[in-house]
N, C-alpha and C. Protein backbone atom coordinates (compact mmCIF):
# COMPACT_ATOMS: atom_id res chain seq x y z
N MET A 1 75.44 83.61 92.40
CA MET A 1 75.54 84.63 93.37
C MET A 1 75.48 85.98 92.68
N LYS A 2 74.58 86.83 93.17
CA LYS A 2 74.46 88.17 92.69
C LYS A 2 75.15 89.12 93.65
N LEU A 3 76.28 89.67 93.18
CA LEU A 3 77.18 90.41 94.08
C LEU A 3 77.09 91.90 93.83
N ALA A 4 76.98 92.66 94.95
CA ALA A 4 77.09 94.11 94.92
C ALA A 4 78.44 94.53 95.45
N ILE A 5 79.15 95.38 94.69
CA ILE A 5 80.39 95.93 95.18
C ILE A 5 80.14 97.42 95.45
N ILE A 6 80.22 97.80 96.73
CA ILE A 6 79.79 99.12 97.16
C ILE A 6 80.98 100.02 97.36
N VAL A 7 80.98 101.13 96.66
CA VAL A 7 82.05 102.13 96.72
C VAL A 7 81.76 103.03 97.92
N GLY A 8 82.52 102.92 99.00
CA GLY A 8 82.21 103.50 100.24
C GLY A 8 82.76 104.91 100.50
N ALA A 9 83.16 105.63 99.46
CA ALA A 9 83.62 106.97 99.60
C ALA A 9 83.11 107.79 98.39
N THR A 10 82.86 109.08 98.66
CA THR A 10 82.28 109.94 97.63
C THR A 10 83.10 111.20 97.36
N ARG A 11 84.18 111.46 98.08
CA ARG A 11 84.92 112.68 97.99
C ARG A 11 85.68 112.74 96.71
N GLU A 12 86.01 113.93 96.26
CA GLU A 12 86.86 114.12 95.07
C GLU A 12 88.22 113.55 95.32
N GLY A 13 88.82 112.95 94.32
CA GLY A 13 90.13 112.39 94.44
C GLY A 13 90.18 111.02 95.14
N ARG A 14 89.02 110.46 95.40
CA ARG A 14 88.96 109.17 96.08
C ARG A 14 89.68 108.10 95.24
N GLN A 15 90.07 107.03 95.91
CA GLN A 15 90.70 105.88 95.23
C GLN A 15 89.77 104.66 95.28
N SER A 16 88.70 104.77 96.02
CA SER A 16 87.81 103.61 96.19
C SER A 16 87.16 103.14 94.91
N ASP A 17 86.94 104.06 93.95
CA ASP A 17 86.33 103.66 92.71
C ASP A 17 87.33 102.80 91.89
N LYS A 18 88.62 103.12 91.93
CA LYS A 18 89.58 102.25 91.27
C LYS A 18 89.64 100.84 91.95
N VAL A 19 89.61 100.82 93.27
CA VAL A 19 89.64 99.58 93.95
C VAL A 19 88.40 98.79 93.65
N ALA A 20 87.26 99.43 93.58
CA ALA A 20 86.04 98.71 93.22
C ALA A 20 86.09 98.10 91.84
N LYS A 21 86.68 98.81 90.92
CA LYS A 21 86.83 98.27 89.56
C LYS A 21 87.71 97.05 89.58
N TRP A 22 88.79 97.11 90.39
CA TRP A 22 89.68 95.91 90.55
C TRP A 22 88.91 94.72 91.10
N VAL A 23 88.09 95.01 92.08
CA VAL A 23 87.29 93.88 92.69
C VAL A 23 86.32 93.34 91.63
N ALA A 24 85.71 94.24 90.84
CA ALA A 24 84.77 93.76 89.80
C ALA A 24 85.50 92.95 88.79
N LEU A 25 86.73 93.33 88.32
CA LEU A 25 87.47 92.59 87.38
C LEU A 25 87.86 91.23 87.95
N SER A 26 88.23 91.18 89.25
CA SER A 26 88.55 89.95 89.89
C SER A 26 87.36 89.00 89.99
N ALA A 27 86.21 89.62 90.31
CA ALA A 27 84.96 88.80 90.38
C ALA A 27 84.68 88.18 89.00
N LYS A 28 84.85 88.96 87.94
CA LYS A 28 84.62 88.48 86.58
C LYS A 28 85.57 87.29 86.27
N GLU A 29 86.82 87.48 86.62
CA GLU A 29 87.79 86.39 86.39
C GLU A 29 87.51 85.16 87.11
N ASN A 30 86.74 85.28 88.24
CA ASN A 30 86.36 84.12 89.09
C ASN A 30 84.92 83.64 88.69
N GLY A 31 84.34 84.13 87.59
CA GLY A 31 83.06 83.69 87.13
C GLY A 31 81.89 84.19 87.91
N ILE A 32 82.02 85.38 88.62
CA ILE A 32 81.00 85.89 89.49
C ILE A 32 80.42 87.13 88.80
N SER A 33 79.07 87.16 88.83
CA SER A 33 78.35 88.32 88.30
C SER A 33 78.33 89.42 89.38
N ALA A 34 78.87 90.59 89.06
CA ALA A 34 78.91 91.65 90.06
C ALA A 34 78.53 93.02 89.44
N GLU A 35 78.00 93.86 90.30
CA GLU A 35 77.64 95.24 89.94
C GLU A 35 78.27 96.20 90.89
N ILE A 36 78.83 97.26 90.42
CA ILE A 36 79.39 98.30 91.31
C ILE A 36 78.28 99.26 91.65
N ILE A 37 78.08 99.47 92.97
CA ILE A 37 77.10 100.45 93.48
C ILE A 37 77.89 101.63 94.07
N ASP A 38 77.77 102.76 93.50
CA ASP A 38 78.51 103.97 93.96
C ASP A 38 77.59 104.84 94.81
N LEU A 39 78.05 105.12 96.01
CA LEU A 39 77.26 105.99 96.91
C LEU A 39 77.04 107.39 96.37
N ARG A 40 77.89 107.77 95.42
CA ARG A 40 77.65 109.09 94.77
C ARG A 40 76.33 109.13 94.06
N ASP A 41 75.79 107.99 93.66
CA ASP A 41 74.47 107.92 92.97
C ASP A 41 73.29 107.99 93.87
N TYR A 42 73.53 108.02 95.20
CA TYR A 42 72.47 108.00 96.17
C TYR A 42 72.70 109.14 97.17
N SER A 43 72.09 110.27 96.83
CA SER A 43 72.26 111.46 97.68
C SER A 43 71.35 111.45 98.86
N MET A 44 71.79 110.76 99.91
CA MET A 44 70.90 110.57 101.10
C MET A 44 71.24 111.59 102.09
N PRO A 45 70.24 112.21 102.78
CA PRO A 45 70.51 113.12 103.89
C PRO A 45 71.12 112.38 105.08
N PHE A 46 71.63 113.11 106.01
CA PHE A 46 72.06 112.45 107.24
C PHE A 46 70.96 111.79 107.95
N PHE A 47 71.19 110.51 108.38
CA PHE A 47 70.17 109.74 109.05
C PHE A 47 69.67 110.53 110.29
N ASN A 48 68.35 110.70 110.33
CA ASN A 48 67.79 111.42 111.43
C ASN A 48 66.39 110.93 111.91
N GLU A 49 66.09 109.65 111.56
CA GLU A 49 64.82 109.12 111.97
C GLU A 49 64.69 108.99 113.45
N ALA A 50 63.56 109.33 113.95
CA ALA A 50 63.37 109.33 115.47
C ALA A 50 63.35 107.93 116.04
N VAL A 51 63.01 106.95 115.24
CA VAL A 51 63.00 105.55 115.72
C VAL A 51 63.91 104.72 114.81
N SER A 52 64.61 103.78 115.39
CA SER A 52 65.43 102.88 114.59
C SER A 52 64.60 102.25 113.49
N PRO A 53 65.17 102.20 112.27
CA PRO A 53 64.39 101.62 111.14
C PRO A 53 64.02 100.15 111.41
N ARG A 54 64.81 99.47 112.18
CA ARG A 54 64.55 98.05 112.47
C ARG A 54 63.27 97.88 113.30
N TYR A 55 62.91 98.91 114.04
CA TYR A 55 61.75 98.84 114.99
C TYR A 55 60.59 99.77 114.58
N ASN A 56 60.60 100.23 113.35
CA ASN A 56 59.59 101.22 112.98
C ASN A 56 58.78 100.71 111.74
N PRO A 57 57.71 100.02 111.94
CA PRO A 57 56.90 99.49 110.83
C PRO A 57 56.21 100.64 110.06
N ASN A 58 56.05 101.77 110.63
CA ASN A 58 55.36 102.91 109.98
C ASN A 58 56.38 103.94 109.46
N ARG A 59 57.49 103.50 109.05
CA ARG A 59 58.59 104.32 108.64
C ARG A 59 58.20 105.13 107.35
N THR A 60 58.52 106.39 107.36
CA THR A 60 58.36 107.22 106.19
C THR A 60 59.79 107.42 105.60
N ILE A 61 59.98 107.04 104.34
CA ILE A 61 61.31 107.03 103.73
C ILE A 61 61.34 107.98 102.57
N GLU A 62 62.39 108.80 102.58
CA GLU A 62 62.61 109.71 101.42
C GLU A 62 62.95 108.96 100.19
N GLN A 63 62.61 109.44 99.01
CA GLN A 63 62.79 108.78 97.74
C GLN A 63 64.22 108.35 97.49
N SER A 64 65.22 109.21 97.84
CA SER A 64 66.64 108.85 97.63
C SER A 64 67.05 107.73 98.45
N VAL A 65 66.50 107.62 99.67
CA VAL A 65 66.83 106.53 100.55
C VAL A 65 66.15 105.24 100.08
N GLN A 66 64.91 105.34 99.62
CA GLN A 66 64.19 104.19 99.13
C GLN A 66 64.94 103.57 97.89
N LEU A 67 65.46 104.41 97.06
CA LEU A 67 66.24 103.88 95.92
C LEU A 67 67.36 103.05 96.36
N TRP A 68 68.08 103.55 97.43
CA TRP A 68 69.23 102.83 97.97
C TRP A 68 68.82 101.52 98.58
N LEU A 69 67.74 101.54 99.38
CA LEU A 69 67.24 100.33 99.96
C LEU A 69 66.82 99.27 98.98
N ASP A 70 66.09 99.73 97.95
CA ASP A 70 65.69 98.76 96.88
C ASP A 70 66.85 98.16 96.19
N LYS A 71 67.83 99.00 95.92
CA LYS A 71 69.01 98.50 95.14
C LYS A 71 69.77 97.46 96.02
N ILE A 72 70.05 97.76 97.26
CA ILE A 72 70.77 96.85 98.10
C ILE A 72 70.07 95.59 98.33
N ASN A 73 68.75 95.64 98.46
CA ASN A 73 67.93 94.44 98.75
C ASN A 73 67.98 93.43 97.63
N ASP A 74 68.39 93.88 96.42
CA ASP A 74 68.34 93.05 95.25
C ASP A 74 69.49 92.08 95.10
N PHE A 75 70.45 92.09 96.08
CA PHE A 75 71.64 91.29 95.92
C PHE A 75 71.67 90.18 96.99
N GLU A 76 72.58 89.18 96.71
CA GLU A 76 72.71 88.02 97.58
C GLU A 76 74.03 88.11 98.41
N ALA A 77 74.96 88.93 97.98
CA ALA A 77 76.20 89.08 98.64
C ALA A 77 76.79 90.51 98.42
N TYR A 78 77.70 90.91 99.32
CA TYR A 78 78.15 92.29 99.23
C TYR A 78 79.70 92.34 99.52
N ILE A 79 80.33 93.22 98.77
CA ILE A 79 81.71 93.59 99.11
C ILE A 79 81.67 95.10 99.29
N PHE A 80 82.09 95.51 100.49
CA PHE A 80 82.20 96.95 100.80
C PHE A 80 83.66 97.37 100.59
N VAL A 81 83.83 98.36 99.72
CA VAL A 81 85.17 98.87 99.47
C VAL A 81 85.29 100.22 100.26
N THR A 82 86.19 100.23 101.23
CA THR A 82 86.30 101.37 102.07
C THR A 82 87.75 101.85 102.22
N PRO A 83 87.91 103.18 102.17
CA PRO A 83 89.19 103.76 102.61
C PRO A 83 89.17 103.87 104.16
N GLU A 84 90.26 104.25 104.69
CA GLU A 84 90.35 104.54 106.11
C GLU A 84 90.47 106.04 106.28
N TYR A 85 89.47 106.60 107.00
CA TYR A 85 89.50 108.02 107.32
C TYR A 85 89.57 108.13 108.85
N ASN A 86 90.62 108.72 109.39
CA ASN A 86 90.75 108.91 110.85
C ASN A 86 90.58 107.67 111.60
N HIS A 87 91.16 106.55 111.18
CA HIS A 87 91.08 105.24 111.81
C HIS A 87 89.73 104.57 111.73
N SER A 88 88.89 105.00 110.78
CA SER A 88 87.57 104.35 110.62
C SER A 88 87.05 104.54 109.19
N ILE A 89 85.78 104.25 109.01
CA ILE A 89 85.17 104.30 107.68
C ILE A 89 84.67 105.76 107.42
N PRO A 90 84.49 106.12 106.19
CA PRO A 90 83.87 107.41 105.85
C PRO A 90 82.49 107.54 106.42
N GLY A 91 82.18 108.75 106.82
CA GLY A 91 80.80 109.05 107.36
C GLY A 91 79.71 108.72 106.41
N VAL A 92 79.95 108.94 105.09
CA VAL A 92 78.91 108.65 104.09
C VAL A 92 78.55 107.15 104.02
N LEU A 93 79.56 106.28 104.26
CA LEU A 93 79.27 104.88 104.26
C LEU A 93 78.47 104.52 105.53
N LYS A 94 78.91 105.01 106.66
CA LYS A 94 78.12 104.73 107.88
C LYS A 94 76.70 105.21 107.77
N ASN A 95 76.55 106.38 107.23
CA ASN A 95 75.18 106.96 107.06
C ASN A 95 74.35 106.05 106.16
N ALA A 96 74.91 105.53 105.06
CA ALA A 96 74.12 104.67 104.15
C ALA A 96 73.78 103.39 104.89
N ILE A 97 74.67 102.85 105.66
CA ILE A 97 74.38 101.59 106.41
C ILE A 97 73.31 101.80 107.46
N ASP A 98 73.33 103.03 108.08
CA ASP A 98 72.36 103.35 109.17
C ASP A 98 70.90 103.25 108.64
N TYR A 99 70.70 103.47 107.39
CA TYR A 99 69.31 103.44 106.81
C TYR A 99 68.81 102.01 106.59
N LEU A 100 69.72 101.02 106.52
CA LEU A 100 69.32 99.63 106.25
C LEU A 100 68.55 99.00 107.42
N THR A 101 67.59 98.12 107.04
CA THR A 101 66.85 97.39 108.05
C THR A 101 67.12 95.90 107.85
N SER A 102 66.40 95.32 106.95
CA SER A 102 66.54 93.86 106.77
C SER A 102 67.26 93.50 105.46
N GLU A 103 67.76 94.44 104.73
CA GLU A 103 68.29 94.18 103.41
C GLU A 103 69.53 93.25 103.47
N LEU A 104 70.33 93.32 104.52
CA LEU A 104 71.54 92.51 104.61
C LEU A 104 71.32 91.23 105.48
N ASN A 105 70.13 91.04 106.05
CA ASN A 105 69.88 89.97 106.95
C ASN A 105 70.28 88.62 106.30
N ARG A 106 71.11 87.85 107.00
CA ARG A 106 71.53 86.51 106.70
C ARG A 106 72.17 86.43 105.30
N LYS A 107 72.77 87.51 104.86
CA LYS A 107 73.48 87.57 103.61
C LYS A 107 74.99 87.88 103.91
N PRO A 108 75.87 87.30 103.16
CA PRO A 108 77.29 87.54 103.46
C PRO A 108 77.83 88.88 102.94
N SER A 109 78.71 89.41 103.75
CA SER A 109 79.43 90.68 103.37
C SER A 109 80.89 90.42 103.49
N ALA A 110 81.68 91.04 102.68
CA ALA A 110 83.13 91.03 102.75
C ALA A 110 83.63 92.48 102.64
N ILE A 111 84.90 92.65 103.08
CA ILE A 111 85.44 94.04 103.12
C ILE A 111 86.78 94.05 102.33
N VAL A 112 86.88 95.03 101.47
CA VAL A 112 88.17 95.35 100.83
C VAL A 112 88.46 96.74 101.25
N SER A 113 89.63 96.91 101.94
CA SER A 113 89.94 98.23 102.50
C SER A 113 91.31 98.69 101.89
N HIS A 114 91.46 100.04 101.98
CA HIS A 114 92.69 100.60 101.51
C HIS A 114 93.05 101.81 102.31
N GLY A 115 94.34 102.09 102.42
CA GLY A 115 94.79 103.26 103.19
C GLY A 115 96.25 103.07 103.49
N SER A 116 96.81 103.95 104.33
CA SER A 116 98.18 103.92 104.66
C SER A 116 98.66 102.64 105.26
N VAL A 117 97.82 102.01 106.00
CA VAL A 117 98.12 100.66 106.58
C VAL A 117 97.12 99.67 106.07
N GLY A 118 96.75 99.84 104.81
CA GLY A 118 95.77 98.88 104.21
C GLY A 118 94.32 99.10 104.63
N GLY A 119 94.09 100.11 105.39
CA GLY A 119 92.74 100.43 105.83
C GLY A 119 92.23 99.42 106.85
N VAL A 120 93.14 98.74 107.52
CA VAL A 120 92.72 97.66 108.41
C VAL A 120 91.85 98.19 109.61
N ARG A 121 92.11 99.38 110.07
CA ARG A 121 91.26 99.89 111.19
C ARG A 121 89.90 100.17 110.71
N ALA A 122 89.73 100.67 109.49
CA ALA A 122 88.38 100.89 108.88
C ALA A 122 87.70 99.52 108.75
N ALA A 123 88.42 98.51 108.28
CA ALA A 123 87.85 97.21 108.08
C ALA A 123 87.36 96.64 109.38
N THR A 124 88.14 96.81 110.46
CA THR A 124 87.74 96.30 111.77
C THR A 124 86.48 96.98 112.24
N ASP A 125 86.33 98.27 112.10
CA ASP A 125 85.12 98.98 112.46
C ASP A 125 83.95 98.50 111.59
N LEU A 126 84.17 98.37 110.31
CA LEU A 126 83.10 98.02 109.39
C LEU A 126 82.60 96.61 109.66
N LYS A 127 83.47 95.72 110.10
CA LYS A 127 82.99 94.34 110.48
C LYS A 127 81.95 94.41 111.60
N GLU A 128 82.17 95.25 112.55
CA GLU A 128 81.29 95.40 113.73
C GLU A 128 79.97 96.02 113.23
N ILE A 129 80.02 97.02 112.36
CA ILE A 129 78.83 97.72 111.90
C ILE A 129 77.99 96.76 111.09
N LEU A 130 78.62 96.03 110.15
CA LEU A 130 77.85 95.10 109.32
C LEU A 130 77.23 93.96 110.17
N SER A 131 77.98 93.53 111.15
CA SER A 131 77.46 92.47 112.01
C SER A 131 76.15 92.92 112.69
N GLU A 132 76.13 94.17 113.14
CA GLU A 132 74.92 94.73 113.82
C GLU A 132 73.80 94.85 112.81
N SER A 133 74.15 94.94 111.50
CA SER A 133 73.15 95.05 110.44
C SER A 133 72.59 93.64 110.05
N GLN A 134 73.03 92.61 110.82
CA GLN A 134 72.56 91.25 110.64
C GLN A 134 73.13 90.57 109.40
N SER A 135 74.23 91.16 108.84
CA SER A 135 74.90 90.54 107.78
C SER A 135 75.90 89.46 108.38
N VAL A 136 76.24 88.49 107.60
CA VAL A 136 77.20 87.53 107.99
C VAL A 136 78.56 87.98 107.40
N VAL A 137 79.41 88.52 108.21
CA VAL A 137 80.68 89.08 107.71
C VAL A 137 81.73 87.96 107.70
N ILE A 138 82.21 87.74 106.44
CA ILE A 138 83.24 86.64 106.31
C ILE A 138 84.55 87.07 106.87
N PRO A 139 85.30 86.08 107.35
CA PRO A 139 86.60 86.43 107.99
C PRO A 139 87.65 87.04 107.08
N LYS A 140 87.67 86.59 105.83
CA LYS A 140 88.74 86.99 104.90
C LYS A 140 88.49 88.48 104.45
N THR A 141 89.61 89.18 104.34
CA THR A 141 89.58 90.55 103.82
C THR A 141 90.65 90.69 102.80
N ALA A 142 90.61 91.76 102.03
CA ALA A 142 91.67 92.10 101.12
C ALA A 142 92.02 93.54 101.36
N THR A 143 93.32 93.87 101.49
CA THR A 143 93.74 95.22 101.77
C THR A 143 94.76 95.71 100.72
N LEU A 144 94.76 97.02 100.54
CA LEU A 144 95.74 97.61 99.62
C LEU A 144 96.35 98.86 100.37
N THR A 145 97.58 99.04 100.21
CA THR A 145 98.28 100.12 100.89
C THR A 145 98.67 101.24 99.90
N ASN A 146 98.41 102.49 100.31
CA ASN A 146 98.89 103.68 99.58
C ASN A 146 98.44 103.62 98.12
N VAL A 147 97.18 103.31 97.78
CA VAL A 147 96.77 103.21 96.43
C VAL A 147 96.93 104.58 95.67
N GLY A 148 96.63 105.65 96.36
CA GLY A 148 96.74 106.98 95.70
C GLY A 148 98.14 107.46 95.59
N MET A 149 99.07 106.97 96.31
CA MET A 149 100.44 107.46 96.31
C MET A 149 101.35 106.60 95.52
N THR A 150 100.82 105.56 94.96
CA THR A 150 101.64 104.62 94.16
C THR A 150 100.89 104.35 92.83
N ASN A 151 101.50 103.52 92.03
CA ASN A 151 100.79 103.07 90.81
C ASN A 151 100.20 101.63 91.05
N ALA A 152 99.67 101.37 92.21
CA ALA A 152 99.21 100.08 92.56
C ALA A 152 98.08 99.62 91.65
N ILE A 153 97.16 100.54 91.35
CA ILE A 153 96.01 100.27 90.51
C ILE A 153 95.79 101.40 89.59
N ASP A 154 95.54 101.11 88.29
CA ASP A 154 95.28 102.21 87.35
C ASP A 154 93.81 102.57 87.38
N ASP A 155 93.40 103.56 86.57
CA ASP A 155 92.04 104.03 86.56
C ASP A 155 91.04 102.99 86.11
N ASN A 156 91.46 101.97 85.43
CA ASN A 156 90.56 100.87 84.96
C ASN A 156 90.51 99.73 85.94
N GLY A 157 91.20 99.82 87.08
CA GLY A 157 91.11 98.77 88.06
C GLY A 157 92.14 97.66 87.85
N GLN A 158 93.17 97.90 87.02
CA GLN A 158 94.20 96.95 86.72
C GLN A 158 95.33 97.05 87.79
N LEU A 159 95.65 95.96 88.46
CA LEU A 159 96.82 95.97 89.36
C LEU A 159 98.18 96.14 88.65
N SER A 160 99.10 96.75 89.30
CA SER A 160 100.42 96.87 88.70
C SER A 160 101.09 95.50 88.55
N ALA A 161 102.07 95.41 87.60
CA ALA A 161 102.72 94.17 87.36
C ALA A 161 103.45 93.69 88.62
N GLU A 162 103.99 94.63 89.35
CA GLU A 162 104.67 94.27 90.63
C GLU A 162 103.73 93.55 91.59
N LEU A 163 102.54 94.11 91.78
CA LEU A 163 101.57 93.47 92.67
C LEU A 163 101.04 92.21 92.17
N LEU A 164 100.86 92.11 90.85
CA LEU A 164 100.35 90.88 90.24
C LEU A 164 101.41 89.73 90.41
N SER A 165 102.63 90.05 90.38
CA SER A 165 103.67 89.02 90.47
C SER A 165 103.94 88.52 91.93
N ASN A 166 103.40 89.20 92.89
CA ASN A 166 103.64 88.79 94.26
C ASN A 166 102.62 87.68 94.67
N PRO A 167 103.15 86.43 94.90
CA PRO A 167 102.25 85.31 95.17
C PRO A 167 101.47 85.47 96.52
N TYR A 168 101.88 86.40 97.36
CA TYR A 168 101.17 86.65 98.61
C TYR A 168 100.51 88.02 98.66
N GLY A 169 100.36 88.60 97.43
CA GLY A 169 99.83 89.96 97.33
C GLY A 169 98.31 90.02 97.19
N PRO A 170 97.86 91.19 96.77
CA PRO A 170 96.38 91.39 96.71
C PRO A 170 95.62 90.51 95.79
N LYS A 171 96.24 90.07 94.67
CA LYS A 171 95.56 89.09 93.81
C LYS A 171 95.15 87.84 94.48
N THR A 172 96.05 87.30 95.26
CA THR A 172 95.80 86.07 95.96
C THR A 172 94.70 86.30 97.06
N HIS A 173 94.83 87.48 97.69
CA HIS A 173 93.83 87.79 98.78
C HIS A 173 92.46 87.95 98.22
N ILE A 174 92.27 88.66 97.09
CA ILE A 174 90.93 88.90 96.54
C ILE A 174 90.36 87.56 95.98
N ASP A 175 91.21 86.74 95.37
CA ASP A 175 90.70 85.48 94.87
C ASP A 175 90.24 84.59 96.03
N ASN A 176 90.93 84.55 97.08
CA ASN A 176 90.56 83.75 98.26
C ASN A 176 89.30 84.32 98.92
N LEU A 177 89.20 85.64 98.99
CA LEU A 177 87.99 86.27 99.56
C LEU A 177 86.81 85.94 98.71
N LEU A 178 86.91 86.02 97.44
CA LEU A 178 85.79 85.77 96.54
C LEU A 178 85.31 84.30 96.60
N LYS A 179 86.29 83.37 96.70
CA LYS A 179 85.90 81.95 96.83
C LYS A 179 85.15 81.76 98.15
N GLU A 180 85.59 82.31 99.20
CA GLU A 180 84.94 82.18 100.48
C GLU A 180 83.53 82.87 100.44
N LEU A 181 83.50 84.00 99.82
CA LEU A 181 82.14 84.68 99.68
C LEU A 181 81.15 83.84 98.93
N VAL A 182 81.56 83.21 97.90
CA VAL A 182 80.69 82.30 97.17
C VAL A 182 80.20 81.17 98.03
N TRP A 183 81.12 80.59 98.79
CA TRP A 183 80.78 79.48 99.68
C TRP A 183 79.69 79.96 100.67
N TYR A 184 79.94 81.08 101.34
CA TYR A 184 78.96 81.60 102.32
C TYR A 184 77.63 81.94 101.63
N SER A 185 77.72 82.53 100.48
CA SER A 185 76.45 82.92 99.75
C SER A 185 75.67 81.71 99.39
N ASP A 186 76.31 80.65 98.90
CA ASP A 186 75.54 79.39 98.60
C ASP A 186 74.94 78.80 99.86
N ALA A 187 75.69 78.72 100.95
CA ALA A 187 75.23 78.13 102.19
C ALA A 187 74.04 78.94 102.74
N LEU A 188 74.22 80.25 102.79
CA LEU A 188 73.19 81.11 103.39
C LEU A 188 71.93 81.17 102.51
N SER A 189 72.13 81.17 101.20
CA SER A 189 70.97 81.15 100.31
C SER A 189 70.14 79.87 100.43
N ALA A 190 70.82 78.77 100.57
CA ALA A 190 70.09 77.50 100.80
C ALA A 190 69.37 77.50 102.14
N ALA A 191 70.03 78.05 103.13
CA ALA A 191 69.34 78.14 104.48
C ALA A 191 68.21 79.11 104.44
N ARG A 192 68.28 80.25 103.78
CA ARG A 192 67.17 81.19 103.71
C ARG A 192 65.97 80.59 102.92
N ASN A 193 66.25 79.73 101.96
CA ASN A 193 65.17 79.18 101.14
C ASN A 193 64.66 77.83 101.62
N SER A 194 65.17 77.37 102.80
CA SER A 194 64.65 76.09 103.30
C SER A 194 63.48 76.21 104.17
């Protein structure tokens, strides 16, 4: 499985990059090849195409958008790391998803969210958005609370000793999420190739 871990926030002081590093370390521990994709590296304008990309075979795409589309298309599974902004996902993440057409079709996506209540409202919104993008959104999620206000994760993506020692904590959740994502990726890959 070729996994993309998408950092869904670009603002200064964000915590999503730390969380993405934690997800990448967890993927490595589970024998999964993963790459972190940072939306900061794709300076896309606000989506303003007159026709939905899904229904526009004559679409003209800006270079920055084409780079994003090509990168995303190259993977077999996705984990979207999102904070919760005003009970939803950041606008920059929604904008990036709005440009997608078939890149996520019949491929699994998972969500790792963070925020004051674990980012669960953002995760709920993102599940709906990804579903409309024709991705298969797996049921399991992983959440982290108050990442920026605690020492939950360091700058290298290492969980605190307290969180690591909790048998019902984030380590267990991410390991279960990754196992399920592999299962869905294998099943969907076989179906797409049959």
